[in-house]
Every structure is written in structure tokens, then in C-alpha cells.
Amino acid sequence: MEISNKTKLDAQEKIIEAAETLQAVPRRYFIALAVAVVLAIPIKFILTGVFLGPLSSAYRPPEIIYEQPNPQPLKVVDKKLFVLAPDSYYGYVRIANPNSDLAVRKLKYRVELKASNGESLDSYEAETSLLPDQDKLIFLPPRRLSNAATNLEVALEPERWSKVGLMTSLNFAFEQKKFGINEEGLFFTSAILRNENPYIIPRIEIAVLLYDLSRKVIGANVTTVNDVLAEENRFFRVIWPKGSSYPEIADVEFKPAVDLLNPRSLIPETSPPDDIRF
């Protein structure tokens, strides 16, 4: 598209008129305008510092403080060493967590068998966990020794304390408790475990304590029952090591424990099949 000569002439006339108008403006105004533009930038920063500086320097973001758990030490409530034979021993240690809001997610322990002169004869190391306000039995499996052991000592090394909320309360019952000698000549205890909870429980640890008439512990053992359905009655039997004999036994106690720190320790009865993995 071509522009007509008349249009070109009109545009040139307007440019000339604008230039003549600017030439009529005194030069000092142009100088003042240029100075104003130059000074505007540093003045902006000066004003920002004068008015906003004190406000920004007065603000402090909230300090985030992580409180390191300060637990009461774990307690050794009881410990027992049992003799299976002149050269064979086993035992247990009962420990307690006195903290009502702190759990031990990883507890290393070392059980040491000692002679009467304090000499260390053997040791056993393992790890477990401990819930708030929980007491728990840890077991020393049978050990054969060349020298007589008279005592056992335990060293506890809690490595991972953590604060936990309200724990799920579980209910179990034991029926038809029995003890005796089986057809192979080994001492046993047995019972029916009733899971009174609306959960499928992949693993239940059951500690077994034997008592005489004075309620003195004369023997101990441990077993696990797996994949227990909600409201299920499950029969189980615990066999003692060869050589175990308890003619003075008067009662047996079963103490169940579930590791509630494991997110898969309880499975709701209504969970879809894909969620039930043992």
C-alpha cells in the first residue's frame, strides 16, 4: 500500500511543528528533567533504606528448635540364670521402659555369662524395641560352657528414641493352659490364644514363665505365633530344651507382645486382600 504525497506532507509538517515547539522551550528545563531522571534511581534506594530498613531489621523469623529426647534410663527389673545340665545354661532378663511418651525403636543388648570370680565365659548379642511404659523379657538361648556360670549381666544400648502418641490397646486371652512332659520326654507348655482384637496380627511374641508355689520364677521360654486372624482362637505349644525338668511347677504365665512401632503390625479386619501381606 502506497502513502499519498498529501499524507507525507502532513506528517512532515507535524514533525517540524513539534521540533519548533521543543526549540521554544528554555534549555534549563531540559537540564532539570535530565537531572531529575538521574537522581530518581538513587533516591529510591535511599528512601527504601530509611523507611523500610528498620522494619525489616526488626523482623526475625520464628526459630525452629528440635528438642533432643531426654529419656529416663531403661531399668533391669529382674534377671535369672537357669541350669539345664552341668555345662548348659539359659536365662532371661526383664527390662522396663519408665518413659510414658518415648519408645525405643532400636535397642541393642548384650547378655554376658560370668563365673563366680567375675570371668566372662560367653555372651549373646541381639536387638529389639520397647514401647512406652512397657516391660519386656529378653532371652538368653541355651549355651554350653566349659566352666560353671553363676551369674549373667546385661548391657543395654538404646539407639533410637522417639516420641509417640497414644498406642493402640490390645486384648488377648489364654485358655486351656497346660504343662507337662510330651511323648518324646521333653517338657512343654501349651494353651489356646484368643485374639480379642479387630485386627489381623502378623506376629505375636509370647513369653512363657513358670512359677512354683511361692510364685518364684523357675523357668522361662519364648515363642511366636504368626498370622493370627481377628477373633481367632489359636492353639500353640512351646517345647523346652532337652534336660529341662520342673517337678516343682505350680503355674504357667503367658505374656503376649506386639511390636506396635511396626506400621504393619496390625491389619484392620476390613482391609482389602491386597493389603494383607504376611
C-alpha atoms as a PDB file:
ATOM      1  CA  MET A   1       0.000   0.000   0.000  1.00  0.00           C
ATOM      2  CA  GLU A   2       1.445   3.361  -1.090  1.00  0.00           C
ATOM      3  CA  ILE A   3       1.144   6.526   1.028  1.00  0.00           C
ATOM      4  CA  SER A   4      -0.131   9.579  -0.874  1.00  0.00           C
ATOM      5  CA  ASN A   5       2.014  12.662  -1.250  1.00  0.00           C
ATOM      6  CA  LYS A   6      -0.507  14.710   0.769  1.00  0.00           C
ATOM      7  CA  THR A   7      -0.207  12.347   3.761  1.00  0.00           C
ATOM      8  CA  LYS A   8       3.587  12.514   3.654  1.00  0.00           C
ATOM      9  CA  LEU A   9       3.488  16.302   3.602  1.00  0.00           C
ATOM     10  CA  ASP A  10       1.081  16.426   6.565  1.00  0.00           C
ATOM     11  CA  ALA A  11       3.384  14.159   8.632  1.00  0.00           C
ATOM     12  CA  GLN A  12       6.450  16.234   7.820  1.00  0.00           C
ATOM     13  CA  GLU A  13       4.611  19.393   8.829  1.00  0.00           C
ATOM     14  CA  LYS A  14       3.674  17.899  12.233  1.00  0.00           C
ATOM     15  CA  ILE A  15       7.278  16.800  12.905  1.00  0.00           C
ATOM     16  CA  ILE A  16       8.532  20.281  12.027  1.00  0.00           C
ATOM     17  CA  GLU A  17       5.922  21.883  14.297  1.00  0.00           C
ATOM     18  CA  ALA A  18       6.922  19.578  17.229  1.00  0.00           C
ATOM     19  CA  ALA A  19      10.594  20.378  16.733  1.00  0.00           C
ATOM     20  CA  GLU A  20       9.880  24.121  16.660  1.00  0.00           C
ATOM     21  CA  THR A  21       7.829  23.771  19.875  1.00  0.00           C
ATOM     22  CA  LEU A  22      10.667  21.972  21.663  1.00  0.00           C
ATOM     23  CA  GLN A  23      13.167  24.559  20.481  1.00  0.00           C
ATOM     24  CA  ALA A  24      10.994  27.212  22.086  1.00  0.00           C
ATOM     25  CA  VAL A  25      11.303  25.540  25.484  1.00  0.00           C
ATOM     26  CA  PRO A  26      14.162  27.037  27.528  1.00  0.00           C
ATOM     27  CA  ARG A  27      17.220  24.802  27.734  1.00  0.00           C
ATOM     28  CA  ARG A  28      17.299  24.892  31.503  1.00  0.00           C
ATOM     29  CA  TYR A  29      14.099  22.805  31.607  1.00  0.00           C
ATOM     30  CA  PHE A  30      15.743  20.006  29.638  1.00  0.00           C
ATOM     31  CA  ILE A  31      18.691  20.071  32.020  1.00  0.00           C
ATOM     32  CA  ALA A  32      16.363  19.942  35.032  1.00  0.00           C
ATOM     33  CA  LEU A  33      14.473  16.991  33.538  1.00  0.00           C
ATOM     34  CA  ALA A  34      17.691  15.074  32.897  1.00  0.00           C
ATOM     35  CA  VAL A  35      18.918  15.735  36.445  1.00  0.00           C
ATOM     36  CA  ALA A  36      15.581  14.565  37.880  1.00  0.00           C
ATOM     37  CA  VAL A  37      15.779  11.289  35.944  1.00  0.00           C
ATOM     38  CA  VAL A  38      19.350  10.675  37.076  1.00  0.00           C
ATOM     39  CA  LEU A  39      18.601  11.401  40.732  1.00  0.00           C
ATOM     40  CA  ALA A  40      15.394   9.361  40.823  1.00  0.00           C
ATOM     41  CA  ILE A  41      17.170   5.989  40.960  1.00  0.00           C
ATOM     42  CA  PRO A  42      19.483   6.547  43.994  1.00  0.00           C
ATOM     43  CA  ILE A  43      16.748   8.456  45.856  1.00  0.00           C
ATOM     44  CA  LYS A  44      14.514   5.395  45.528  1.00  0.00           C
ATOM     45  CA  PHE A  45      17.092   3.183  47.245  1.00  0.00           C
ATOM     46  CA  ILE A  46      17.811   5.787  49.923  1.00  0.00           C
ATOM     47  CA  LEU A  47      14.136   6.113  50.807  1.00  0.00           C
ATOM     48  CA  THR A  48      13.734   2.325  50.860  1.00  0.00           C
ATOM     49  CA  GLY A  49      16.609   2.027  53.292  1.00  0.00           C
ATOM     50  CA  VAL A  50      15.409   4.868  55.514  1.00  0.00           C
ATOM     51  CA  PHE A  51      11.782   3.765  55.880  1.00  0.00           C
ATOM     52  CA  LEU A  52      11.810   0.012  55.307  1.00  0.00           C
ATOM     53  CA  GLY A  53      15.238  -0.750  56.753  1.00  0.00           C
ATOM     54  CA  PRO A  54      14.232  -0.501  60.425  1.00  0.00           C
ATOM     55  CA  LEU A  55      11.122  -2.573  59.804  1.00  0.00           C
ATOM     56  CA  SER A  56      12.976  -5.361  58.022  1.00  0.00           C
ATOM     57  CA  SER A  57      15.784  -5.407  60.570  1.00  0.00           C
ATOM     58  CA  ALA A  58      13.235  -5.655  63.399  1.00  0.00           C
ATOM     59  CA  TYR A  59      11.638  -8.817  61.938  1.00  0.00           C
ATOM     60  CA  ARG A  60      13.032 -12.147  62.951  1.00  0.00           C
ATOM     61  CA  PRO A  61      11.618 -15.402  61.521  1.00  0.00           C
ATOM     62  CA  PRO A  62      10.480 -17.919  64.128  1.00  0.00           C
ATOM     63  CA  GLU A  63      13.338 -20.069  65.335  1.00  0.00           C
ATOM     64  CA  ILE A  64      12.812 -23.781  64.765  1.00  0.00           C
ATOM     65  CA  ILE A  65      14.088 -25.753  67.727  1.00  0.00           C
ATOM     66  CA  TYR A  66      14.373 -29.558  67.737  1.00  0.00           C
ATOM     67  CA  GLU A  67      14.231 -30.967  71.219  1.00  0.00           C
ATOM     68  CA  GLN A  68      16.504 -33.933  71.717  1.00  0.00           C
ATOM     69  CA  PRO A  69      14.641 -36.631  73.681  1.00  0.00           C
ATOM     70  CA  ASN A  70      15.745 -36.682  77.293  1.00  0.00           C
ATOM     71  CA  PRO A  71      14.539 -40.105  78.460  1.00  0.00           C
ATOM     72  CA  GLN A  72      14.834 -41.724  81.825  1.00  0.00           C
ATOM     73  CA  PRO A  73      17.224 -44.691  81.594  1.00  0.00           C
ATOM     74  CA  LEU A  74      15.871 -48.162  80.987  1.00  0.00           C
ATOM     75  CA  LYS A  75      15.641 -50.404  84.042  1.00  0.00           C
ATOM     76  CA  VAL A  76      16.680 -54.007  84.580  1.00  0.00           C
ATOM     77  CA  VAL A  77      13.806 -55.302  86.711  1.00  0.00           C
ATOM     78  CA  ASP A  78      14.848 -58.936  87.035  1.00  0.00           C
ATOM     79  CA  LYS A  79      17.287 -61.484  85.634  1.00  0.00           C
ATOM     80  CA  LYS A  80      17.565 -65.236  86.004  1.00  0.00           C
ATOM     81  CA  LEU A  81      20.134 -67.867  85.047  1.00  0.00           C
ATOM     82  CA  PHE A  82      18.913 -71.453  84.724  1.00  0.00           C
ATOM     83  CA  VAL A  83      20.956 -74.646  84.597  1.00  0.00           C
ATOM     84  CA  LEU A  84      19.922 -77.284  82.072  1.00  0.00           C
ATOM     85  CA  ALA A  85      22.900 -79.548  82.753  1.00  0.00           C
ATOM     86  CA  PRO A  86      26.300 -79.111  84.431  1.00  0.00           C
ATOM     87  CA  ASP A  87      27.624 -77.486  81.242  1.00  0.00           C
ATOM     88  CA  SER A  88      24.454 -75.955  79.744  1.00  0.00           C
ATOM     89  CA  TYR A  89      22.733 -72.717  80.725  1.00  0.00           C
ATOM     90  CA  TYR A  90      19.988 -70.363  79.611  1.00  0.00           C
ATOM     91  CA  GLY A  91      18.260 -67.367  81.125  1.00  0.00           C
ATOM     92  CA  TYR A  92      16.261 -64.196  80.728  1.00  0.00           C
ATOM     93  CA  VAL A  93      16.398 -60.507  81.619  1.00  0.00           C
ATOM     94  CA  ARG A  94      13.314 -58.438  82.316  1.00  0.00           C
ATOM     95  CA  ILE A  95      13.692 -54.795  81.305  1.00  0.00           C
ATOM     96  CA  ALA A  96      11.327 -51.843  81.675  1.00  0.00           C
ATOM     97  CA  ASN A  97      10.886 -48.508  79.906  1.00  0.00           C
ATOM     98  CA  PRO A  98       9.775 -45.934  82.530  1.00  0.00           C
ATOM     99  CA  ASN A  99       9.030 -43.259  79.899  1.00  0.00           C
ATOM    100  CA  SER A 100       5.329 -42.781  79.167  1.00  0.00           C
ATOM    101  CA  ASP A 101       5.772 -40.926  75.861  1.00  0.00           C
ATOM    102  CA  LEU A 102       9.071 -42.244  74.488  1.00  0.00           C
ATOM    103  CA  ALA A 103       9.695 -45.519  72.694  1.00  0.00           C
ATOM    104  CA  VAL A 104      12.978 -47.194  71.835  1.00  0.00           C
ATOM    105  CA  ARG A 105      12.803 -48.135  68.178  1.00  0.00           C
ATOM    106  CA  LYS A 106      16.188 -49.819  68.238  1.00  0.00           C
ATOM    107  CA  LEU A 107      17.570 -51.319  71.422  1.00  0.00           C
ATOM    108  CA  LYS A 108      20.806 -53.273  71.234  1.00  0.00           C
ATOM    109  CA  TYR A 109      21.611 -55.517  74.168  1.00  0.00           C
ATOM    110  CA  ARG A 110      24.407 -57.812  75.261  1.00  0.00           C
ATOM    111  CA  VAL A 111      23.895 -60.617  77.794  1.00  0.00           C
ATOM    112  CA  GLU A 112      27.084 -61.930  79.351  1.00  0.00           C
ATOM    113  CA  LEU A 113      27.567 -65.153  81.329  1.00  0.00           C
ATOM    114  CA  LYS A 114      30.070 -64.898  84.139  1.00  0.00           C
ATOM    115  CA  ALA A 115      31.853 -67.240  86.522  1.00  0.00           C
ATOM    116  CA  SER A 116      31.932 -66.756  90.290  1.00  0.00           C
ATOM    117  CA  ASN A 117      35.270 -64.927  90.016  1.00  0.00           C
ATOM    118  CA  GLY A 118      33.815 -62.414  87.522  1.00  0.00           C
ATOM    119  CA  GLU A 119      35.404 -64.026  84.475  1.00  0.00           C
ATOM    120  CA  SER A 120      33.377 -63.640  81.271  1.00  0.00           C
ATOM    121  CA  LEU A 121      32.539 -67.066  79.864  1.00  0.00           C
ATOM    122  CA  ASP A 122      30.240 -66.288  76.941  1.00  0.00           C
ATOM    123  CA  SER A 123      27.980 -63.573  75.576  1.00  0.00           C
ATOM    124  CA  TYR A 124      24.943 -63.138  73.379  1.00  0.00           C
ATOM    125  CA  GLU A 125      24.027 -60.005  71.395  1.00  0.00           C
ATOM    126  CA  ALA A 126      20.763 -59.071  69.713  1.00  0.00           C
ATOM    127  CA  GLU A 127      18.382 -56.135  69.321  1.00  0.00           C
ATOM    128  CA  THR A 128      14.726 -55.415  69.988  1.00  0.00           C
ATOM    129  CA  SER A 129      12.345 -52.473  70.527  1.00  0.00           C
ATOM    130  CA  LEU A 130      10.488 -51.199  73.557  1.00  0.00           C
ATOM    131  CA  LEU A 131       7.160 -49.348  73.764  1.00  0.00           C
ATOM    132  CA  PRO A 132       6.402 -46.585  76.280  1.00  0.00           C
ATOM    133  CA  ASP A 133       5.759 -47.946  79.789  1.00  0.00           C
ATOM    134  CA  GLN A 134       6.472 -51.469  78.569  1.00  0.00           C
ATOM    135  CA  ASP A 135       8.332 -54.173  80.421  1.00  0.00           C
ATOM    136  CA  LYS A 136       9.714 -56.956  78.318  1.00  0.00           C
ATOM    137  CA  LEU A 137      11.574 -60.225  78.625  1.00  0.00           C
ATOM    138  CA  ILE A 138      14.720 -60.769  76.575  1.00  0.00           C
ATOM    139  CA  PHE A 139      16.042 -64.307  76.445  1.00  0.00           C
ATOM    140  CA  LEU A 140      19.437 -65.916  76.504  1.00  0.00           C
ATOM    141  CA  PRO A 141      19.274 -69.100  74.395  1.00  0.00           C
ATOM    142  CA  PRO A 142      20.894 -72.280  75.784  1.00  0.00           C
ATOM    143  CA  ARG A 143      24.700 -72.067  75.873  1.00  0.00           C
ATOM    144  CA  ARG A 144      27.224 -74.838  76.508  1.00  0.00           C
ATOM    145  CA  LEU A 145      30.181 -73.751  78.651  1.00  0.00           C
ATOM    146  CA  SER A 146      33.406 -75.393  79.745  1.00  0.00           C
ATOM    147  CA  ASN A 147      33.293 -73.628  83.139  1.00  0.00           C
ATOM    148  CA  ALA A 148      30.431 -73.143  85.571  1.00  0.00           C
ATOM    149  CA  ALA A 149      28.440 -69.921  85.224  1.00  0.00           C
ATOM    150  CA  THR A 150      26.928 -68.324  88.306  1.00  0.00           C
ATOM    151  CA  ASN A 151      25.589 -65.012  87.050  1.00  0.00           C
ATOM    152  CA  LEU A 152      24.547 -63.081  83.993  1.00  0.00           C
ATOM    153  CA  GLU A 153      24.890 -59.383  83.269  1.00  0.00           C
ATOM    154  CA  VAL A 154      23.209 -57.273  80.623  1.00  0.00           C
ATOM    155  CA  ALA A 155      24.279 -54.088  78.836  1.00  0.00           C
ATOM    156  CA  LEU A 156      21.544 -52.027  77.157  1.00  0.00           C
ATOM    157  CA  GLU A 157      22.288 -49.650  74.276  1.00  0.00           C
ATOM    158  CA  PRO A 158      19.179 -47.725  73.160  1.00  0.00           C
ATOM    159  CA  GLU A 159      19.998 -46.106  69.823  1.00  0.00           C
ATOM    160  CA  ARG A 160      16.723 -44.657  68.548  1.00  0.00           C
ATOM    161  CA  TRP A 161      14.399 -42.899  70.960  1.00  0.00           C
ATOM    162  CA  SER A 162      11.268 -41.326  69.521  1.00  0.00           C
ATOM    163  CA  LYS A 163       8.201 -39.583  70.897  1.00  0.00           C
ATOM    164  CA  VAL A 164       4.988 -41.447  70.171  1.00  0.00           C
ATOM    165  CA  GLY A 165       1.331 -40.715  70.710  1.00  0.00           C
ATOM    166  CA  LEU A 166      -1.359 -42.894  72.175  1.00  0.00           C
ATOM    167  CA  MET A 167      -0.700 -46.561  71.423  1.00  0.00           C
ATOM    168  CA  THR A 168      -3.441 -48.979  70.396  1.00  0.00           C
ATOM    169  CA  SER A 169      -4.618 -51.084  73.318  1.00  0.00           C
ATOM    170  CA  LEU A 170      -4.733 -54.809  72.584  1.00  0.00           C
ATOM    171  CA  ASN A 171      -6.560 -57.580  74.408  1.00  0.00           C
ATOM    172  CA  PHE A 172      -5.614 -61.259  74.429  1.00  0.00           C
ATOM    173  CA  ALA A 173      -6.771 -64.205  76.489  1.00  0.00           C
ATOM    174  CA  PHE A 174      -5.232 -67.637  77.118  1.00  0.00           C
ATOM    175  CA  GLU A 175      -7.403 -70.666  77.681  1.00  0.00           C
ATOM    176  CA  GLN A 176      -6.772 -74.352  78.406  1.00  0.00           C
ATOM    177  CA  LYS A 177      -3.275 -73.724  79.765  1.00  0.00           C
ATOM    178  CA  LYS A 178      -1.307 -76.939  80.179  1.00  0.00           C
ATOM    179  CA  PHE A 179       2.212 -78.112  81.011  1.00  0.00           C
ATOM    180  CA  GLY A 180       3.880 -81.493  81.300  1.00  0.00           C
ATOM    181  CA  ILE A 181       6.135 -83.980  79.527  1.00  0.00           C
ATOM    182  CA  ASN A 182       5.398 -84.932  75.907  1.00  0.00           C
ATOM    183  CA  GLU A 183       5.815 -88.334  74.247  1.00  0.00           C
ATOM    184  CA  GLU A 184       9.465 -87.548  73.498  1.00  0.00           C
ATOM    185  CA  GLY A 185      10.273 -86.854  77.124  1.00  0.00           C
ATOM    186  CA  LEU A 186      10.539 -83.065  76.704  1.00  0.00           C
ATOM    187  CA  PHE A 187       8.878 -80.519  78.936  1.00  0.00           C
ATOM    188  CA  PHE A 188       6.183 -78.434  77.222  1.00  0.00           C
ATOM    189  CA  THR A 189       3.555 -75.789  77.845  1.00  0.00           C
ATOM    190  CA  SER A 190       0.520 -75.160  75.671  1.00  0.00           C
ATOM    191  CA  ALA A 191      -2.596 -73.006  75.507  1.00  0.00           C
ATOM    192  CA  ILE A 192      -5.186 -71.526  73.185  1.00  0.00           C
ATOM    193  CA  LEU A 193      -4.566 -67.875  72.336  1.00  0.00           C
ATOM    194  CA  ARG A 194      -7.724 -65.850  71.760  1.00  0.00           C
ATOM    195  CA  ASN A 195      -7.223 -62.676  69.712  1.00  0.00           C
ATOM    196  CA  GLU A 196      -9.923 -60.332  71.028  1.00  0.00           C
ATOM    197  CA  ASN A 197      -8.985 -57.512  68.655  1.00  0.00           C
ATOM    198  CA  PRO A 198     -10.476 -56.409  65.299  1.00  0.00           C
ATOM    199  CA  TYR A 199      -7.088 -56.834  63.646  1.00  0.00           C
ATOM    200  CA  ILE A 200      -5.179 -59.463  61.777  1.00  0.00           C
ATOM    201  CA  ILE A 201      -1.828 -59.686  63.572  1.00  0.00           C
ATOM    202  CA  PRO A 202       1.099 -60.988  61.501  1.00  0.00           C
ATOM    203  CA  ARG A 203       3.324 -61.687  64.527  1.00  0.00           C
ATOM    204  CA  ILE A 204       2.709 -62.104  68.250  1.00  0.00           C
ATOM    205  CA  GLU A 205       5.638 -62.845  70.549  1.00  0.00           C
ATOM    206  CA  ILE A 206       4.677 -64.869  73.624  1.00  0.00           C
ATOM    207  CA  ALA A 207       6.949 -65.083  76.655  1.00  0.00           C
ATOM    208  CA  VAL A 208       6.352 -68.053  78.962  1.00  0.00           C
ATOM    209  CA  LEU A 209       7.150 -68.018  82.672  1.00  0.00           C
ATOM    210  CA  LEU A 210       6.987 -70.998  85.033  1.00  0.00           C
ATOM    211  CA  TYR A 211       6.248 -70.485  88.752  1.00  0.00           C
ATOM    212  CA  ASP A 212       6.489 -72.607  91.858  1.00  0.00           C
ATOM    213  CA  LEU A 213       4.058 -72.391  94.764  1.00  0.00           C
ATOM    214  CA  SER A 214       5.799 -69.274  96.148  1.00  0.00           C
ATOM    215  CA  ARG A 215       5.465 -67.502  92.738  1.00  0.00           C
ATOM    216  CA  LYS A 216       9.197 -67.743  92.178  1.00  0.00           C
ATOM    217  CA  VAL A 217      10.187 -67.959  88.503  1.00  0.00           C
ATOM    218  CA  ILE A 218      11.775 -71.355  87.913  1.00  0.00           C
ATOM    219  CA  GLY A 219      11.849 -71.420  84.096  1.00  0.00           C
ATOM    220  CA  ALA A 220      11.246 -69.285  81.022  1.00  0.00           C
ATOM    221  CA  ASN A 221      10.907 -69.565  77.279  1.00  0.00           C
ATOM    222  CA  VAL A 222       9.602 -67.646  74.275  1.00  0.00           C
ATOM    223  CA  THR A 223       7.760 -68.421  71.053  1.00  0.00           C
ATOM    224  CA  THR A 224       5.993 -66.585  68.230  1.00  0.00           C
ATOM    225  CA  VAL A 225       2.546 -67.094  66.732  1.00  0.00           C
ATOM    226  CA  ASN A 226       2.075 -65.796  63.208  1.00  0.00           C
ATOM    227  CA  ASP A 227      -0.805 -64.604  61.033  1.00  0.00           C
ATOM    228  CA  VAL A 228      -3.479 -64.588  63.706  1.00  0.00           C
ATOM    229  CA  LEU A 229      -6.887 -63.538  62.396  1.00  0.00           C
ATOM    230  CA  ALA A 230      -9.259 -61.196  64.208  1.00  0.00           C
ATOM    231  CA  GLU A 231     -11.262 -63.016  66.906  1.00  0.00           C
ATOM    232  CA  GLU A 232      -9.344 -66.222  66.147  1.00  0.00           C
ATOM    233  CA  ASN A 233      -8.602 -68.935  68.718  1.00  0.00           C
ATOM    234  CA  ARG A 234      -5.127 -70.332  68.001  1.00  0.00           C
ATOM    235  CA  PHE A 235      -3.575 -73.351  69.696  1.00  0.00           C
ATOM    236  CA  PHE A 236       0.187 -73.243  70.283  1.00  0.00           C
ATOM    237  CA  ARG A 237       2.779 -75.325  72.102  1.00  0.00           C
ATOM    238  CA  VAL A 238       6.200 -74.413  73.469  1.00  0.00           C
ATOM    239  CA  ILE A 239       8.880 -77.118  73.840  1.00  0.00           C
ATOM    240  CA  TRP A 240      11.684 -76.683  76.368  1.00  0.00           C
ATOM    241  CA  PRO A 241      15.294 -77.762  75.674  1.00  0.00           C
ATOM    242  CA  LYS A 242      16.298 -81.324  76.401  1.00  0.00           C
ATOM    243  CA  GLY A 243      17.204 -81.739  80.050  1.00  0.00           C
ATOM    244  CA  SER A 244      14.606 -79.280  81.345  1.00  0.00           C
ATOM    245  CA  SER A 245      12.716 -80.569  84.373  1.00  0.00           C
ATOM    246  CA  TYR A 246      10.332 -78.660  86.652  1.00  0.00           C
ATOM    247  CA  PRO A 247       8.814 -81.009  89.224  1.00  0.00           C
ATOM    248  CA  GLU A 248       8.043 -78.026  91.477  1.00  0.00           C
ATOM    249  CA  ILE A 249       5.979 -76.162  88.849  1.00  0.00           C
ATOM    250  CA  ALA A 250       2.654 -74.809  90.088  1.00  0.00           C
ATOM    251  CA  ASP A 251       1.586 -72.355  87.397  1.00  0.00           C
ATOM    252  CA  VAL A 252       2.443 -71.026  83.948  1.00  0.00           C
ATOM    253  CA  GLU A 253       2.024 -67.480  82.638  1.00  0.00           C
ATOM    254  CA  PHE A 254       1.886 -66.346  79.005  1.00  0.00           C
ATOM    255  CA  LYS A 255       2.819 -62.736  78.222  1.00  0.00           C
ATOM    256  CA  PRO A 256       1.959 -61.589  74.653  1.00  0.00           C
ATOM    257  CA  ALA A 257       3.696 -58.690  72.921  1.00  0.00           C
ATOM    258  CA  VAL A 258       3.173 -56.994  69.547  1.00  0.00           C
ATOM    259  CA  ASP A 259       5.661 -54.563  68.014  1.00  0.00           C
ATOM    260  CA  LEU A 260       3.303 -51.604  67.564  1.00  0.00           C
ATOM    261  CA  LEU A 261       6.176 -49.474  66.233  1.00  0.00           C
ATOM    262  CA  ASN A 262       5.962 -51.520  63.039  1.00  0.00           C
ATOM    263  CA  PRO A 263       3.272 -49.954  60.783  1.00  0.00           C
ATOM    264  CA  ARG A 264       2.372 -53.437  59.507  1.00  0.00           C
ATOM    265  CA  SER A 265       1.943 -54.960  62.971  1.00  0.00           C
ATOM    266  CA  LEU A 266      -1.852 -54.571  62.873  1.00  0.00           C
ATOM    267  CA  ILE A 267      -4.035 -55.047  59.800  1.00  0.00           C
ATOM    268  CA  PRO A 268      -7.700 -53.987  60.073  1.00  0.00           C
ATOM    269  CA  GLU A 269     -10.082 -56.869  59.510  1.00  0.00           C
ATOM    270  CA  THR A 270     -11.797 -54.876  56.742  1.00  0.00           C
ATOM    271  CA  SER A 271      -8.604 -54.304  54.726  1.00  0.00           C
ATOM    272  CA  PRO A 272      -8.818 -55.317  51.050  1.00  0.00           C
ATOM    273  CA  PRO A 273      -6.967 -58.547  50.149  1.00  0.00           C
ATOM    274  CA  ASP A 274      -4.096 -56.639  48.510  1.00  0.00           C
ATOM    275  CA  ASP A 275      -3.272 -55.023  51.882  1.00  0.00           C
ATOM    276  CA  ILE A 276      -2.922 -58.342  53.680  1.00  0.00           C
ATOM    277  CA  ARG A 277       0.629 -59.497  53.101  1.00  0.00           C
ATOM    278  CA  PHE A 278       2.299 -61.695  55.674  1.00  0.00           C
END
